Amino acid sequence: MALVEFATKTENPHFENVFDIAPTELQQKLNDVKVIDVREHHEYVGELGHIVGSELISLGTLPDNLNNLPKDQTIVFICLGGVRSAKAAAYATMNGFTNVLNMSGGMMAWSQLQLPVER
């Protein structure tokens, strides 16, 4: 898969070299990106559900799983509110990944927009 450009990506105010994208733009490009959900398993299968096609790699296990992720594809990290996923995006960037993004607002924002989920 190719790297994907996002029209609305903005620099995250809390993490250097981390860029955020809006949930609505992610939804439009779901087929073109790898979505990694860094919440815990109970959150992933819980009330808010998860984005269809996303992969669960909790933040605590990311260091052990980072090398299994494709470096030639855009990776979008998500969590509940956007903080853990921004940490994950920063960690991936520090470890040589060049096209990673954080979904702003996390699953709370996704849910508020009533975008589709799996449970």
PDB file of N, CA and C in Angstrom:
ATOM      1  N   MET A   1       0.832  -1.187   0.000  1.00  0.00           N
ATOM      2  CA  MET A   1       0.000   0.000   0.000  1.00  0.00           C
ATOM      3  C   MET A   1       0.872   1.243   0.000  1.00  0.00           C
ATOM      4  N   ALA A   2       0.333   2.270  -0.567  1.00  0.00           N
ATOM      5  CA  ALA A   2       1.064   3.524  -0.658  1.00  0.00           C
ATOM      6  C   ALA A   2       0.820   4.384   0.578  1.00  0.00           C
ATOM      7  N   LEU A   3       1.665   5.385   0.723  1.00  0.00           N
ATOM      8  CA  LEU A   3       1.454   6.347   1.795  1.00  0.00           C
ATOM      9  C   LEU A   3       0.305   7.257   1.398  1.00  0.00           C
ATOM     10  N   VAL A   4      -0.467   7.693   2.362  1.00  0.00           N
ATOM     11  CA  VAL A   4      -1.677   8.465   2.105  1.00  0.00           C
ATOM     12  C   VAL A   4      -1.497   9.878   2.647  1.00  0.00           C
ATOM     13  N   GLU A   5      -1.922  10.848   1.869  1.00  0.00           N
ATOM     14  CA  GLU A   5      -1.895  12.236   2.313  1.00  0.00           C
ATOM     15  C   GLU A   5      -3.256  12.604   2.904  1.00  0.00           C
ATOM     16  N   PHE A   6      -3.229  13.396   3.961  1.00  0.00           N
ATOM     17  CA  PHE A   6      -4.453  13.865   4.602  1.00  0.00           C
ATOM     18  C   PHE A   6      -4.497  15.381   4.501  1.00  0.00           C
ATOM     19  N   ALA A   7      -5.617  15.902   4.045  1.00  0.00           N
ATOM     20  CA  ALA A   7      -5.757  17.338   3.838  1.00  0.00           C
ATOM     21  C   ALA A   7      -5.804  18.123   5.136  1.00  0.00           C
ATOM     22  N   THR A   8      -6.321  17.508   6.193  1.00  0.00           N
ATOM     23  CA  THR A   8      -6.562  18.268   7.421  1.00  0.00           C
ATOM     24  C   THR A   8      -5.629  17.917   8.564  1.00  0.00           C
ATOM     25  N   LYS A   9      -4.492  17.291   8.277  1.00  0.00           N
ATOM     26  CA  LYS A   9      -3.627  16.934   9.397  1.00  0.00           C
ATOM     27  C   LYS A   9      -3.022  18.193  10.016  1.00  0.00           C
ATOM     28  N   THR A  10      -2.978  18.209  11.334  1.00  0.00           N
ATOM     29  CA  THR A  10      -2.438  19.347  12.068  1.00  0.00           C
ATOM     30  C   THR A  10      -1.457  18.848  13.115  1.00  0.00           C
ATOM     31  N   GLU A  11      -0.515  19.705  13.477  1.00  0.00           N
ATOM     32  CA  GLU A  11       0.465  19.294  14.470  1.00  0.00           C
ATOM     33  C   GLU A  11      -0.191  19.171  15.839  1.00  0.00           C
ATOM     34  N   ASN A  12       0.106  18.071  16.525  1.00  0.00           N
ATOM     35  CA  ASN A  12      -0.436  17.840  17.867  1.00  0.00           C
ATOM     36  C   ASN A  12       0.226  18.828  18.822  1.00  0.00           C
ATOM     37  N   PRO A  13      -0.551  19.527  19.648  1.00  0.00           N
ATOM     38  CA  PRO A  13       0.033  20.538  20.529  1.00  0.00           C
ATOM     39  C   PRO A  13       0.844  19.973  21.693  1.00  0.00           C
ATOM     40  N   HIS A  14       0.729  18.683  21.967  1.00  0.00           N
ATOM     41  CA  HIS A  14       1.393  18.110  23.126  1.00  0.00           C
ATOM     42  C   HIS A  14       2.615  17.249  22.797  1.00  0.00           C
ATOM     43  N   PHE A  15       2.751  16.840  21.529  1.00  0.00           N
ATOM     44  CA  PHE A  15       3.845  15.954  21.149  1.00  0.00           C
ATOM     45  C   PHE A  15       4.517  16.475  19.886  1.00  0.00           C
ATOM     46  N   GLU A  16       5.817  16.668  19.968  1.00  0.00           N
ATOM     47  CA  GLU A  16       6.589  17.133  18.835  1.00  0.00           C
ATOM     48  C   GLU A  16       6.594  16.077  17.738  1.00  0.00           C
ATOM     49  N   ASN A  17       6.481  16.505  16.515  1.00  0.00           N
ATOM     50  CA  ASN A  17       6.509  15.635  15.336  1.00  0.00           C
ATOM     51  C   ASN A  17       5.361  14.628  15.279  1.00  0.00           C
ATOM     52  N   VAL A  18       4.256  14.918  15.955  1.00  0.00           N
ATOM     53  CA  VAL A  18       3.057  14.084  15.874  1.00  0.00           C
ATOM     54  C   VAL A  18       1.961  14.927  15.230  1.00  0.00           C
ATOM     55  N   PHE A  19       1.304  14.338  14.247  1.00  0.00           N
ATOM     56  CA  PHE A  19       0.246  15.045  13.537  1.00  0.00           C
ATOM     57  C   PHE A  19      -1.096  14.359  13.763  1.00  0.00           C
ATOM     58  N   ASP A  20      -2.124  15.174  13.918  1.00  0.00           N
ATOM     59  CA  ASP A  20      -3.482  14.694  14.167  1.00  0.00           C
ATOM     60  C   ASP A  20      -4.303  14.768  12.885  1.00  0.00           C
ATOM     61  N   ILE A  21      -5.265  13.848  12.773  1.00  0.00           N
ATOM     62  CA  ILE A  21      -6.264  13.925  11.718  1.00  0.00           C
ATOM     63  C   ILE A  21      -7.638  13.804  12.344  1.00  0.00           C
ATOM     64  N   ALA A  22      -8.622  14.316  11.654  1.00  0.00           N
ATOM     65  CA  ALA A  22     -10.002  14.284  12.135  1.00  0.00           C
ATOM     66  C   ALA A  22     -10.630  12.917  11.867  1.00  0.00           C
ATOM     67  N   PRO A  23     -11.541  12.493  12.746  1.00  0.00           N
ATOM     68  CA  PRO A  23     -12.224  11.215  12.543  1.00  0.00           C
ATOM     69  C   PRO A  23     -12.928  11.109  11.188  1.00  0.00           C
ATOM     70  N   THR A  24     -13.549  12.197  10.739  1.00  0.00           N
ATOM     71  CA  THR A  24     -14.270  12.146   9.465  1.00  0.00           C
ATOM     72  C   THR A  24     -13.340  11.901   8.286  1.00  0.00           C
ATOM     73  N   GLU A  25     -12.144  12.466   8.336  1.00  0.00           N
ATOM     74  CA  GLU A  25     -11.197  12.224   7.251  1.00  0.00           C
ATOM     75  C   GLU A  25     -10.654  10.802   7.316  1.00  0.00           C
ATOM     76  N   LEU A  26     -10.414  10.306   8.515  1.00  0.00           N
ATOM     77  CA  LEU A  26      -9.975   8.919   8.636  1.00  0.00           C
ATOM     78  C   LEU A  26     -11.031   7.981   8.057  1.00  0.00           C
ATOM     79  N   GLN A  27     -12.282   8.230   8.369  1.00  0.00           N
ATOM     80  CA  GLN A  27     -13.340   7.351   7.861  1.00  0.00           C
ATOM     81  C   GLN A  27     -13.317   7.277   6.337  1.00  0.00           C
ATOM     82  N   GLN A  28     -13.037   8.388   5.691  1.00  0.00           N
ATOM     83  CA  GLN A  28     -13.001   8.427   4.227  1.00  0.00           C
ATOM     84  C   GLN A  28     -11.833   7.633   3.651  1.00  0.00           C
ATOM     85  N   LYS A  29     -10.790   7.421   4.442  1.00  0.00           N
ATOM     86  CA  LYS A  29      -9.576   6.773   3.933  1.00  0.00           C
ATOM     87  C   LYS A  29      -9.254   5.456   4.631  1.00  0.00           C
ATOM     88  N   LEU A  30     -10.247   4.865   5.287  1.00  0.00           N
ATOM     89  CA  LEU A  30     -10.007   3.635   6.046  1.00  0.00           C
ATOM     90  C   LEU A  30      -9.393   2.521   5.206  1.00  0.00           C
ATOM     91  N   ASN A  31      -9.744   2.429   3.945  1.00  0.00           N
ATOM     92  CA  ASN A  31      -9.220   1.358   3.093  1.00  0.00           C
ATOM     93  C   ASN A  31      -7.766   1.575   2.697  1.00  0.00           C
ATOM     94  N   ASP A  32      -7.243   2.770   2.956  1.00  0.00           N
ATOM     95  CA  ASP A  32      -5.896   3.116   2.516  1.00  0.00           C
ATOM     96  C   ASP A  32      -4.867   3.181   3.633  1.00  0.00           C
ATOM     97  N   VAL A  33      -5.284   2.948   4.876  1.00  0.00           N
ATOM     98  CA  VAL A  33      -4.386   3.096   6.023  1.00  0.00           C
ATOM     99  C   VAL A  33      -4.465   1.871   6.925  1.00  0.00           C
ATOM    100  N   LYS A  34      -3.496   1.754   7.804  1.00  0.00           N
ATOM    101  CA  LYS A  34      -3.491   0.731   8.855  1.00  0.00           C
ATOM    102  C   LYS A  34      -3.891   1.435  10.140  1.00  0.00           C
ATOM    103  N   VAL A  35      -5.005   1.014  10.752  1.00  0.00           N
ATOM    104  CA  VAL A  35      -5.483   1.634  11.991  1.00  0.00           C
ATOM    105  C   VAL A  35      -5.089   0.747  13.163  1.00  0.00           C
ATOM    106  N   ILE A  36      -4.346   1.332  14.098  1.00  0.00           N
ATOM    107  CA  ILE A  36      -3.909   0.624  15.301  1.00  0.00           C
ATOM    108  C   ILE A  36      -4.583   1.265  16.512  1.00  0.00           C
ATOM    109  N   ASP A  37      -5.351   0.473  17.224  1.00  0.00           N
ATOM    110  CA  ASP A  37      -6.044   0.916  18.433  1.00  0.00           C
ATOM    111  C   ASP A  37      -5.170   0.535  19.623  1.00  0.00           C
ATOM    112  N   VAL A  38      -4.750   1.528  20.398  1.00  0.00           N
ATOM    113  CA  VAL A  38      -3.816   1.268  21.500  1.00  0.00           C
ATOM    114  C   VAL A  38      -4.501   1.209  22.867  1.00  0.00           C
ATOM    115  N   ARG A  39      -5.823   1.054  22.879  1.00  0.00           N
ATOM    116  CA  ARG A  39      -6.536   0.898  24.146  1.00  0.00           C
ATOM    117  C   ARG A  39      -6.326  -0.520  24.678  1.00  0.00           C
ATOM    118  N   GLU A  40      -6.856  -0.762  25.846  1.00  0.00           N
ATOM    119  CA  GLU A  40      -6.829  -2.102  26.435  1.00  0.00           C
ATOM    120  C   GLU A  40      -7.948  -2.940  25.828  1.00  0.00           C
ATOM    121  N   HIS A  41      -7.813  -4.271  25.915  1.00  0.00           N
ATOM    122  CA  HIS A  41      -8.784  -5.176  25.301  1.00  0.00           C
ATOM    123  C   HIS A  41     -10.217  -4.897  25.747  1.00  0.00           C
ATOM    124  N   HIS A  42     -10.423  -4.666  27.053  1.00  0.00           N
ATOM    125  CA  HIS A  42     -11.792  -4.430  27.534  1.00  0.00           C
ATOM    126  C   HIS A  42     -12.397  -3.162  26.932  1.00  0.00           C
ATOM    127  N   GLU A  43     -11.575  -2.181  26.597  1.00  0.00           N
ATOM    128  CA  GLU A  43     -12.072  -0.969  25.948  1.00  0.00           C
ATOM    129  C   GLU A  43     -12.415  -1.245  24.479  1.00  0.00           C
ATOM    130  N   TYR A  44     -11.565  -2.025  23.837  1.00  0.00           N
ATOM    131  CA  TYR A  44     -11.711  -2.356  22.418  1.00  0.00           C
ATOM    132  C   TYR A  44     -13.034  -3.078  22.153  1.00  0.00           C
ATOM    133  N   VAL A  45     -13.413  -3.971  23.057  1.00  0.00           N
ATOM    134  CA  VAL A  45     -14.651  -4.737  22.877  1.00  0.00           C
ATOM    135  C   VAL A  45     -15.810  -4.147  23.681  1.00  0.00           C
ATOM    136  N   GLY A  46     -15.580  -3.035  24.343  1.00  0.00           N
ATOM    137  CA  GLY A  46     -16.561  -2.443  25.241  1.00  0.00           C
ATOM    138  C   GLY A  46     -17.618  -1.601  24.557  1.00  0.00           C
ATOM    139  N   GLU A  47     -18.207  -0.732  25.330  1.00  0.00           N
ATOM    140  CA  GLU A  47     -19.365   0.059  24.931  1.00  0.00           C
ATOM    141  C   GLU A  47     -19.155   0.866  23.644  1.00  0.00           C
ATOM    142  N   LEU A  48     -17.999   1.504  23.507  1.00  0.00           N
ATOM    143  CA  LEU A  48     -17.747   2.323  22.314  1.00  0.00           C
ATOM    144  C   LEU A  48     -17.360   1.493  21.099  1.00  0.00           C
ATOM    145  N   GLY A  49     -16.982   0.237  21.336  1.00  0.00           N
ATOM    146  CA  GLY A  49     -16.559  -0.614  20.230  1.00  0.00           C
ATOM    147  C   GLY A  49     -15.230  -0.162  19.653  1.00  0.00           C
ATOM    148  N   HIS A  50     -14.993  -0.537  18.397  1.00  0.00           N
ATOM    149  CA  HIS A  50     -13.754  -0.168  17.726  1.00  0.00           C
ATOM    150  C   HIS A  50     -14.012   0.047  16.238  1.00  0.00           C
ATOM    151  N   ILE A  51     -13.099   0.727  15.599  1.00  0.00           N
ATOM    152  CA  ILE A  51     -13.224   1.009  14.175  1.00  0.00           C
ATOM    153  C   ILE A  51     -13.096  -0.297  13.401  1.00  0.00           C
ATOM    154  N   VAL A  52     -13.990  -0.488  12.451  1.00  0.00           N
ATOM    155  CA  VAL A  52     -13.981  -1.688  11.622  1.00  0.00           C
ATOM    156  C   VAL A  52     -12.621  -1.815  10.920  1.00  0.00           C
ATOM    157  N   GLY A  53     -12.007  -2.982  11.073  1.00  0.00           N
ATOM    158  CA  GLY A  53     -10.719  -3.233  10.433  1.00  0.00           C
ATOM    159  C   GLY A  53      -9.510  -2.812  11.241  1.00  0.00           C
ATOM    160  N   SER A  54      -9.747  -2.210  12.402  1.00  0.00           N
ATOM    161  CA  SER A  54      -8.610  -1.795  13.228  1.00  0.00           C
ATOM    162  C   SER A  54      -7.970  -3.004  13.885  1.00  0.00           C
ATOM    163  N   GLU A  55      -6.717  -2.825  14.294  1.00  0.00           N
ATOM    164  CA  GLU A  55      -5.981  -3.879  15.003  1.00  0.00           C
ATOM    165  C   GLU A  55      -5.682  -3.395  16.412  1.00  0.00           C
ATOM    166  N   LEU A  56      -5.905  -4.244  17.384  1.00  0.00           N
ATOM    167  CA  LEU A  56      -5.626  -3.899  18.773  1.00  0.00           C
ATOM    168  C   LEU A  56      -4.176  -4.229  19.117  1.00  0.00           C
ATOM    169  N   ILE A  57      -3.419  -3.193  19.482  1.00  0.00           N
ATOM    170  CA  ILE A  57      -2.082  -3.350  20.056  1.00  0.00           C
ATOM    171  C   ILE A  57      -2.037  -2.345  21.202  1.00  0.00           C
ATOM    172  N   SER A  58      -2.300  -2.805  22.407  1.00  0.00           N
ATOM    173  CA  SER A  58      -2.362  -1.862  23.534  1.00  0.00           C
ATOM    174  C   SER A  58      -1.037  -1.130  23.683  1.00  0.00           C
ATOM    175  N   LEU A  59      -1.117   0.061  24.217  1.00  0.00           N
ATOM    176  CA  LEU A  59       0.071   0.910  24.324  1.00  0.00           C
ATOM    177  C   LEU A  59       1.206   0.202  25.052  1.00  0.00           C
ATOM    178  N   GLY A  60       0.882  -0.555  26.079  1.00  0.00           N
ATOM    179  CA  GLY A  60       1.908  -1.261  26.841  1.00  0.00           C
ATOM    180  C   GLY A  60       2.633  -2.346  26.053  1.00  0.00           C
ATOM    181  N   THR A  61       2.002  -2.863  25.009  1.00  0.00           N
ATOM    182  CA  THR A  61       2.643  -3.917  24.206  1.00  0.00           C
ATOM    183  C   THR A  61       3.222  -3.383  22.901  1.00  0.00           C
ATOM    184  N   LEU A  62       3.064  -2.087  22.650  1.00  0.00           N
ATOM    185  CA  LEU A  62       3.551  -1.512  21.397  1.00  0.00           C
ATOM    186  C   LEU A  62       5.055  -1.730  21.177  1.00  0.00           C
ATOM    187  N   PRO A  63       5.909  -1.540  22.189  1.00  0.00           N
ATOM    188  CA  PRO A  63       7.342  -1.764  21.942  1.00  0.00           C
ATOM    189  C   PRO A  63       7.654  -3.175  21.422  1.00  0.00           C
ATOM    190  N   ASP A  64       6.918  -4.171  21.889  1.00  0.00           N
ATOM    191  CA  ASP A  64       7.142  -5.547  21.440  1.00  0.00           C
ATOM    192  C   ASP A  64       6.561  -5.821  20.060  1.00  0.00           C
ATOM    193  N   ASN A  65       5.645  -4.990  19.614  1.00  0.00           N
ATOM    194  CA  ASN A  65       4.944  -5.235  18.348  1.00  0.00           C
ATOM    195  C   ASN A  65       5.261  -4.238  17.244  1.00  0.00           C
ATOM    196  N   LEU A  66       6.012  -3.210  17.555  1.00  0.00           N
ATOM    197  CA  LEU A  66       6.258  -2.143  16.586  1.00  0.00           C
ATOM    198  C   LEU A  66       6.903  -2.660  15.306  1.00  0.00           C
ATOM    199  N   ASN A  67       7.863  -3.554  15.423  1.00  0.00           N
ATOM    200  CA  ASN A  67       8.563  -4.052  14.235  1.00  0.00           C
ATOM    201  C   ASN A  67       7.684  -4.912  13.330  1.00  0.00           C
ATOM    202  N   ASN A  68       6.501  -5.301  13.814  1.00  0.00           N
ATOM    203  CA  ASN A  68       5.563  -6.065  12.990  1.00  0.00           C
ATOM    204  C   ASN A  68       4.690  -5.162  12.119  1.00  0.00           C
ATOM    205  N   LEU A  69       4.755  -3.851  12.337  1.00  0.00           N
ATOM    206  CA  LEU A  69       3.933  -2.912  11.575  1.00  0.00           C
ATOM    207  C   LEU A  69       4.643  -2.512  10.279  1.00  0.00           C
ATOM    208  N   PRO A  70       3.874  -2.266   9.231  1.00  0.00           N
ATOM    209  CA  PRO A  70       4.474  -1.906   7.941  1.00  0.00           C
ATOM    210  C   PRO A  70       4.998  -0.474   7.936  1.00  0.00           C
ATOM    211  N   LYS A  71       6.238  -0.306   7.492  1.00  0.00           N
ATOM    212  CA  LYS A  71       6.802   1.040   7.395  1.00  0.00           C
ATOM    213  C   LYS A  71       6.450   1.713   6.069  1.00  0.00           C
ATOM    214  N   ASP A  72       5.900   0.937   5.141  1.00  0.00           N
ATOM    215  CA  ASP A  72       5.566   1.485   3.827  1.00  0.00           C
ATOM    216  C   ASP A  72       4.081   1.836   3.704  1.00  0.00           C
ATOM    217  N   GLN A  73       3.407   1.957   4.820  1.00  0.00           N
ATOM    218  CA  GLN A  73       1.975   2.252   4.828  1.00  0.00           C
ATOM    219  C   GLN A  73       1.696   3.319   5.885  1.00  0.00           C
ATOM    220  N   THR A  74       0.703   4.146   5.641  1.00  0.00           N
ATOM    221  CA  THR A  74       0.284   5.128   6.629  1.00  0.00           C
ATOM    222  C   THR A  74      -0.369   4.407   7.796  1.00  0.00           C
ATOM    223  N   ILE A  75       0.093   4.720   9.002  1.00  0.00           N
ATOM    224  CA  ILE A  75      -0.460   4.129  10.214  1.00  0.00           C
ATOM    225  C   ILE A  75      -1.146   5.225  11.015  1.00  0.00           C
ATOM    226  N   VAL A  76      -2.385   4.956  11.408  1.00  0.00           N
ATOM    227  CA  VAL A  76      -3.145   5.892  12.235  1.00  0.00           C
ATOM    228  C   VAL A  76      -3.396   5.227  13.579  1.00  0.00           C
ATOM    229  N   PHE A  77      -2.914   5.865  14.638  1.00  0.00           N
ATOM    230  CA  PHE A  77      -3.112   5.359  15.995  1.00  0.00           C
ATOM    231  C   PHE A  77      -4.363   6.001  16.587  1.00  0.00           C
ATOM    232  N   ILE A  78      -5.135   5.185  17.325  1.00  0.00           N
ATOM    233  CA  ILE A  78      -6.333   5.686  17.991  1.00  0.00           C
ATOM    234  C   ILE A  78      -6.394   5.147  19.410  1.00  0.00           C
ATOM    235  N   CYS A  79      -7.129   5.851  20.254  1.00  0.00           N
ATOM    236  CA  CYS A  79      -7.375   5.391  21.627  1.00  0.00           C
ATOM    237  C   CYS A  79      -8.725   5.959  22.058  1.00  0.00           C
ATOM    238  N   LEU A  80      -8.948   6.113  23.335  1.00  0.00           N
ATOM    239  CA  LEU A  80     -10.227   6.629  23.823  1.00  0.00           C
ATOM    240  C   LEU A  80     -10.383   8.125  23.546  1.00  0.00           C
ATOM    241  N   GLY A  81      -9.357   8.914  23.913  1.00  0.00           N
ATOM    242  CA  GLY A  81      -9.478  10.360  23.791  1.00  0.00           C
ATOM    243  C   GLY A  81      -8.389  11.048  22.998  1.00  0.00           C
ATOM    244  N   GLY A  82      -7.387  10.307  22.540  1.00  0.00           N
ATOM    245  CA  GLY A  82      -6.337  10.881  21.719  1.00  0.00           C
ATOM    246  C   GLY A  82      -4.994  11.057  22.387  1.00  0.00           C
ATOM    247  N   VAL A  83      -4.896  10.764  23.690  1.00  0.00           N
ATOM    248  CA  VAL A  83      -3.625  10.954  24.393  1.00  0.00           C
ATOM    249  C   VAL A  83      -2.708   9.741  24.238  1.00  0.00           C
ATOM    250  N   ARG A  84      -3.216   8.550  24.530  1.00  0.00           N
ATOM    251  CA  ARG A  84      -2.380   7.341  24.381  1.00  0.00           C
ATOM    252  C   ARG A  84      -1.963   7.148  22.933  1.00  0.00           C
ATOM    253  N   SER A  85      -2.871   7.447  22.020  1.00  0.00           N
ATOM    254  CA  SER A  85      -2.528   7.280  20.606  1.00  0.00           C
ATOM    255  C   SER A  85      -1.472   8.292  20.167  1.00  0.00           C
ATOM    256  N   ALA A  86      -1.488   9.485  20.724  1.00  0.00           N
ATOM    257  CA  ALA A  86      -0.443  10.464  20.415  1.00  0.00           C
ATOM    258  C   ALA A  86       0.905   9.980  20.952  1.00  0.00           C
ATOM    259  N   LYS A  87       0.891   9.365  22.140  1.00  0.00           N
ATOM    260  CA  LYS A  87       2.125   8.776  22.682  1.00  0.00           C
ATOM    261  C   LYS A  87       2.627   7.669  21.766  1.00  0.00           C
ATOM    262  N   ALA A  88       1.704   6.839  21.265  1.00  0.00           N
ATOM    263  CA  ALA A  88       2.077   5.749  20.359  1.00  0.00           C
ATOM    264  C   ALA A  88       2.658   6.300  19.067  1.00  0.00           C
ATOM    265  N   ALA A  89       2.048   7.349  18.526  1.00  0.00           N
ATOM    266  CA  ALA A  89       2.550   7.959  17.295  1.00  0.00           C
ATOM    267  C   ALA A  89       3.939   8.554  17.524  1.00  0.00           C
ATOM    268  N   ALA A  90       4.141   9.188  18.667  1.00  0.00           N
ATOM    269  CA  ALA A  90       5.458   9.746  18.991  1.00  0.00           C
ATOM    270  C   ALA A  90       6.494   8.633  19.113  1.00  0.00           C
ATOM    271  N   TYR A  91       6.138   7.535  19.760  1.00  0.00           N
ATOM    272  CA  TYR A  91       7.051   6.400  19.922  1.00  0.00           C
ATOM    273  C   TYR A  91       7.416   5.807  18.565  1.00  0.00           C
ATOM    274  N   ALA A  92       6.419   5.629  17.699  1.00  0.00           N
ATOM    275  CA  ALA A  92       6.684   5.078  16.367  1.00  0.00           C
ATOM    276  C   ALA A  92       7.596   6.005  15.573  1.00  0.00           C
ATOM    277  N   THR A  93       7.352   7.297  15.666  1.00  0.00           N
ATOM    278  CA  THR A  93       8.185   8.279  14.955  1.00  0.00           C
ATOM    279  C   THR A  93       9.625   8.228  15.453  1.00  0.00           C
ATOM    280  N   MET A  94       9.801   8.127  16.767  1.00  0.00           N
ATOM    281  CA  MET A  94      11.154   8.054  17.340  1.00  0.00           C
ATOM    282  C   MET A  94      11.874   6.770  16.930  1.00  0.00           C
ATOM    283  N   ASN A  95      11.114   5.773  16.493  1.00  0.00           N
ATOM    284  CA  ASN A  95      11.696   4.496  16.108  1.00  0.00           C
ATOM    285  C   ASN A  95      11.687   4.276  14.594  1.00  0.00           C
ATOM    286  N   GLY A  96      11.703   5.350  13.840  1.00  0.00           N
ATOM    287  CA  GLY A  96      11.924   5.269  12.408  1.00  0.00           C
ATOM    288  C   GLY A  96      10.707   5.237  11.512  1.00  0.00           C
ATOM    289  N   PHE A  97       9.516   5.281  12.060  1.00  0.00           N
ATOM    290  CA  PHE A  97       8.320   5.328  11.225  1.00  0.00           C
ATOM    291  C   PHE A  97       8.101   6.779  10.790  1.00  0.00           C
ATOM    292  N   THR A  98       7.854   6.978   9.509  1.00  0.00           N
ATOM    293  CA  THR A  98       7.794   8.343   8.985  1.00  0.00           C
ATOM    294  C   THR A  98       6.393   8.804   8.603  1.00  0.00           C
ATOM    295  N   ASN A  99       5.435   7.906   8.508  1.00  0.00           N
ATOM    296  CA  ASN A  99       4.092   8.324   8.121  1.00  0.00           C
ATOM    297  C   ASN A  99       3.064   7.787   9.108  1.00  0.00           C
ATOM    298  N   VAL A 100       3.100   8.361  10.311  1.00  0.00           N
ATOM    299  CA  VAL A 100       2.161   7.975  11.363  1.00  0.00           C
ATOM    300  C   VAL A 100       1.327   9.182  11.763  1.00  0.00           C
ATOM    301  N   LEU A 101       0.105   8.910  12.135  1.00  0.00           N
ATOM    302  CA  LEU A 101      -0.824   9.961  12.525  1.00  0.00           C
ATOM    303  C   LEU A 101      -1.584   9.552  13.773  1.00  0.00           C
ATOM    304  N   ASN A 102      -2.118  10.526  14.452  1.00  0.00           N
ATOM    305  CA  ASN A 102      -2.954  10.339  15.627  1.00  0.00           C
ATOM    306  C   ASN A 102      -4.353  10.820  15.270  1.00  0.00           C
ATOM    307  N   MET A 103      -5.376  10.024  15.571  1.00  0.00           N
ATOM    308  CA  MET A 103      -6.736  10.492  15.330  1.00  0.00           C
ATOM    309  C   MET A 103      -7.171  11.366  16.502  1.00  0.00           C
ATOM    310  N   SER A 104      -7.425  12.619  16.233  1.00  0.00           N
ATOM    311  CA  SER A 104      -7.796  13.555  17.289  1.00  0.00           C
ATOM    312  C   SER A 104      -9.142  13.178  17.905  1.00  0.00           C
ATOM    313  N   GLY A 105      -9.209  13.278  19.220  1.00  0.00           N
ATOM    314  CA  GLY A 105     -10.445  13.012  19.938  1.00  0.00           C
ATOM    315  C   GLY A 105     -10.729  11.554  20.220  1.00  0.00           C
ATOM    316  N   GLY A 106      -9.991  10.653  19.588  1.00  0.00           N
ATOM    317  CA  GLY A 106     -10.132   9.231  19.837  1.00  0.00           C
ATOM    318  C   GLY A 106     -11.531   8.686  19.574  1.00  0.00           C
ATOM    319  N   MET A 107     -11.807   7.547  20.198  1.00  0.00           N
ATOM    320  CA  MET A 107     -13.095   6.884  19.996  1.00  0.00           C
ATOM    321  C   MET A 107     -14.261   7.691  20.566  1.00  0.00           C
ATOM    322  N   MET A 108     -13.987   8.578  21.504  1.00  0.00           N
ATOM    323  CA  MET A 108     -15.067   9.443  22.003  1.00  0.00           C
ATOM    324  C   MET A 108     -15.555  10.347  20.872  1.00  0.00           C
ATOM    325  N   ALA A 109     -14.629  10.928  20.119  1.00  0.00           N
ATOM    326  CA  ALA A 109     -15.007  11.792  18.996  1.00  0.00           C
ATOM    327  C   ALA A 109     -15.668  10.966  17.889  1.00  0.00           C
ATOM    328  N   TRP A 110     -15.131   9.789  17.603  1.00  0.00           N
ATOM    329  CA  TRP A 110     -15.685   8.897  16.578  1.00  0.00           C
ATOM    330  C   TRP A 110     -17.140   8.555  16.933  1.00  0.00           C
ATOM    331  N   SER A 111     -17.363   8.228  18.191  1.00  0.00           N
ATOM    332  CA  SER A 111     -18.698   7.861  18.666  1.00  0.00           C
ATOM    333  C   SER A 111     -19.662   9.041  18.606  1.00  0.00           C
ATOM    334  N   GLN A 112     -19.199  10.220  19.003  1.00  0.00           N
ATOM    335  CA  GLN A 112     -20.053  11.408  18.975  1.00  0.00           C
ATOM    336  C   GLN A 112     -20.516  11.729  17.558  1.00  0.00           C
ATOM    337  N   LEU A 113     -19.686  11.402  16.579  1.00  0.00           N
ATOM    338  CA  LEU A 113     -20.044  11.630  15.177  1.00  0.00           C
ATOM    339  C   LEU A 113     -20.892  10.488  14.613  1.00  0.00           C
ATOM    340  N   GLN A 114     -21.128   9.480  15.443  1.00  0.00           N
ATOM    341  CA  GLN A 114     -21.915   8.301  15.073  1.00  0.00           C
ATOM    342  C   GLN A 114     -21.357   7.587  13.847  1.00  0.00           C
ATOM    343  N   LEU A 115     -20.025   7.481  13.807  1.00  0.00           N
ATOM    344  CA  LEU A 115     -19.364   6.756  12.729  1.00  0.00           C
ATOM    345  C   LEU A 115     -19.424   5.261  13.046  1.00  0.00           C
ATOM    346  N   PRO A 116     -19.329   4.402  12.039  1.00  0.00           N
ATOM    347  CA  PRO A 116     -19.539   2.958  12.258  1.00  0.00           C
ATOM    348  C   PRO A 116     -18.457   2.302  13.116  1.00  0.00           C
ATOM    349  N   VAL A 117     -18.908   1.352  13.942  1.00  0.00           N
ATOM    350  CA  VAL A 117     -18.008   0.591  14.807  1.00  0.00           C
ATOM    351  C   VAL A 117     -18.390  -0.884  14.800  1.00  0.00           C
ATOM    352  N   GLU A 118     -17.462  -1.696  15.282  1.00  0.00           N
ATOM    353  CA  GLU A 118     -17.723  -3.098  15.588  1.00  0.00           C
ATOM    354  C   GLU A 118     -17.673  -3.226  17.096  1.00  0.00           C
ATOM    355  N   ARG A 119     -18.409  -4.193  17.640  1.00  0.00           N
ATOM    356  CA  ARG A 119     -18.367  -4.458  19.079  1.00  0.00           C
ATOM    357  C   ARG A 119     -18.093  -5.913  19.301  1.00  0.00           C
TER     358      ARG A 119
END
